[in-house]
Amino acid sequence: MTQRLSLTALLVRDYAEARDFYVGKVGFDLVEDTDMGGGKRWVVVRPPGSDAGLLLAKANAEQARAVGDQAAGRVFLFLETDDFDRDHARMTAAGVRFLEEPRREPYGTVAVFEDLYGAKWDLIQRAPAAAAAPPR
């Protein structure tokens, strides 16, 4: 049997502003933006070359408090890259707010950034040994 994660629902305040942030600033591809009627849309973005993506889910009034805080202040999502310096420079130039300077860790190069709602992400390039290590 084969399984994989394909989408992660990310609560957003507004479809268009979230789409524009992830596509225009983070550099994701827009996979789909379909009007579902009644103010709902099916908006999917994903990193170039990835099978997994984000379903941008507009929060209702009850969910609005969780926008930007789906992980209670912890890093929520991890964007792995094959060229940290390239992507860090491009994202910084596009206006993405990094909360720290890049740091070298045994597992790779990493820096925390915020999305437009304050959710924390890691931009990470795994160290060659860490990338090659078999899962435990």
Protein backbone atom coordinates (compact mmCIF):
# COMPACT_ATOMS: atom_id res chain seq x y z
CA MET A 1 0.00 0.00 0.00
CA THR A 2 1.22 3.50 -0.82
CA GLN A 3 0.07 6.61 0.98
CA ARG A 4 1.20 10.22 1.02
CA LEU A 5 0.10 13.53 2.42
CA SER A 6 -1.17 15.67 -0.42
CA LEU A 7 -2.68 18.80 1.13
CA THR A 8 -2.56 20.62 4.43
CA ALA A 9 -5.44 22.99 5.12
CA LEU A 10 -4.15 26.39 6.20
CA LEU A 11 -6.64 28.84 7.69
CA VAL A 12 -6.48 32.27 6.03
CA ARG A 13 -8.46 35.50 6.33
CA ASP A 14 -8.76 36.12 2.62
CA TYR A 15 -8.20 33.83 -0.37
CA ALA A 16 -6.66 36.44 -2.66
CA GLU A 17 -4.22 37.95 -0.17
CA ALA A 18 -3.04 34.50 0.96
CA ARG A 19 -2.70 33.28 -2.64
CA ASP A 20 -0.74 36.41 -3.54
CA PHE A 21 1.58 35.97 -0.54
CA TYR A 22 2.38 32.32 -1.19
CA VAL A 23 2.71 32.69 -4.95
CA GLY A 24 4.22 36.18 -5.18
CA LYS A 25 6.46 36.24 -2.12
CA VAL A 26 7.20 32.67 -1.07
CA GLY A 27 7.43 31.45 -4.68
CA PHE A 28 4.83 28.69 -4.69
CA ASP A 29 2.95 27.62 -7.79
CA LEU A 30 -0.79 28.23 -8.03
CA VAL A 31 -2.26 24.79 -8.70
CA GLU A 32 -5.96 25.62 -8.58
CA ASP A 33 -8.28 28.49 -7.75
CA THR A 34 -11.86 27.37 -8.34
CA ASP A 35 -14.99 29.24 -7.29
CA MET A 36 -17.16 26.77 -5.36
CA GLY A 37 -20.10 29.15 -4.98
CA GLY A 38 -21.41 30.77 -1.84
CA GLY A 39 -18.15 32.65 -1.24
CA LYS A 40 -16.09 29.45 -1.07
CA ARG A 41 -13.09 28.70 -3.25
CA TRP A 42 -10.76 25.74 -3.67
CA VAL A 43 -7.34 27.39 -3.67
CA VAL A 44 -4.28 25.14 -3.77
CA VAL A 45 -0.66 26.31 -3.83
CA ARG A 46 2.50 24.24 -3.61
CA PRO A 47 6.26 24.61 -3.76
CA PRO A 48 7.77 24.09 -7.22
CA GLY A 49 8.58 20.42 -7.77
CA SER A 50 6.48 19.22 -4.84
CA ASP A 51 3.49 16.90 -4.84
CA ALA A 52 2.28 18.23 -1.48
CA GLY A 53 0.58 21.58 -1.15
CA LEU A 54 -1.56 23.90 0.90
CA LEU A 55 -5.31 24.22 0.66
CA LEU A 56 -5.93 27.87 1.55
CA ALA A 57 -9.09 27.64 3.66
CA LYS A 58 -10.91 30.87 4.45
CA ALA A 59 -11.73 30.90 8.14
CA ASN A 60 -15.30 31.38 9.25
CA ALA A 61 -16.14 33.59 12.26
CA GLU A 62 -15.54 30.74 14.72
CA GLN A 63 -12.18 29.80 13.16
CA ALA A 64 -10.89 33.35 12.73
CA ARG A 65 -9.07 33.35 16.08
CA ALA A 66 -6.85 30.49 14.87
CA VAL A 67 -5.62 32.24 11.70
CA GLY A 68 -1.85 32.56 12.08
CA ASP A 69 -1.85 30.49 15.25
CA GLN A 70 -2.77 26.97 14.16
CA ALA A 71 0.32 25.64 15.96
CA ALA A 72 -0.03 27.76 19.12
CA GLY A 73 3.07 29.86 18.37
CA ARG A 74 5.36 27.01 17.32
CA VAL A 75 6.87 26.52 13.89
CA PHE A 76 3.98 25.01 11.96
CA LEU A 77 5.31 24.15 8.52
CA PHE A 78 8.71 23.31 7.07
CA LEU A 79 9.69 24.46 3.58
CA GLU A 80 12.64 22.35 2.45
CA THR A 81 14.84 23.73 -0.33
CA ASP A 82 17.77 22.51 -2.37
CA ASP A 83 19.39 25.99 -2.22
CA PHE A 84 18.88 27.85 1.03
CA ASP A 85 20.87 30.96 0.08
CA ARG A 86 18.98 31.41 -3.21
CA ASP A 87 15.54 31.05 -1.65
CA HIS A 88 16.35 33.07 1.47
CA ALA A 89 17.62 35.96 -0.69
CA ARG A 90 14.64 35.79 -3.06
CA MET A 91 12.08 35.63 -0.26
CA THR A 92 13.75 38.45 1.69
CA ALA A 93 13.79 40.65 -1.42
CA ALA A 94 10.09 39.87 -1.95
CA GLY A 95 9.26 41.10 1.56
CA VAL A 96 9.00 37.86 3.53
CA ARG A 97 9.81 38.59 7.20
CA PHE A 98 12.47 36.34 8.68
CA LEU A 99 12.55 36.26 12.48
CA GLU A 100 16.21 35.33 12.72
CA GLU A 101 19.41 35.19 10.78
CA PRO A 102 20.12 31.88 9.02
CA ARG A 103 21.83 29.38 11.26
CA ARG A 104 23.78 26.20 10.62
CA GLU A 105 22.61 23.21 12.60
CA PRO A 106 23.76 19.57 12.44
CA TYR A 107 20.64 18.77 10.40
CA GLY A 108 21.07 21.68 7.97
CA THR A 109 20.73 25.41 7.37
CA VAL A 110 17.55 26.96 8.70
CA ALA A 111 15.78 30.25 9.41
CA VAL A 112 12.30 30.91 10.76
CA PHE A 113 9.97 33.17 8.79
CA GLU A 114 6.40 34.35 9.26
CA ASP A 115 3.59 34.16 6.77
CA LEU A 116 1.27 37.12 6.29
CA TYR A 117 -0.74 36.15 9.38
CA GLY A 118 2.18 35.44 11.69
CA ALA A 119 2.30 31.64 11.36
CA LYS A 120 5.88 30.45 11.77
CA TRP A 121 7.66 28.42 9.12
CA ASP A 122 11.16 26.97 8.80
CA LEU A 123 13.01 27.49 5.54
CA ILE A 124 15.47 24.61 5.63
CA GLN A 125 18.13 23.00 3.52
CA ARG A 126 19.00 19.68 5.06
CA ALA A 127 22.63 18.74 5.51
CA PRO A 128 23.75 16.02 3.07
CA ALA A 129 24.11 13.42 5.87
CA ALA A 130 20.71 14.36 7.33
CA ALA A 131 19.03 14.18 3.92
CA ALA A 132 20.51 10.75 3.23
CA ALA A 133 19.77 9.27 6.66
CA PRO A 134 17.10 6.55 6.62
CA PRO A 135 13.94 7.28 8.59
CA ARG A 136 13.80 5.81 12.09
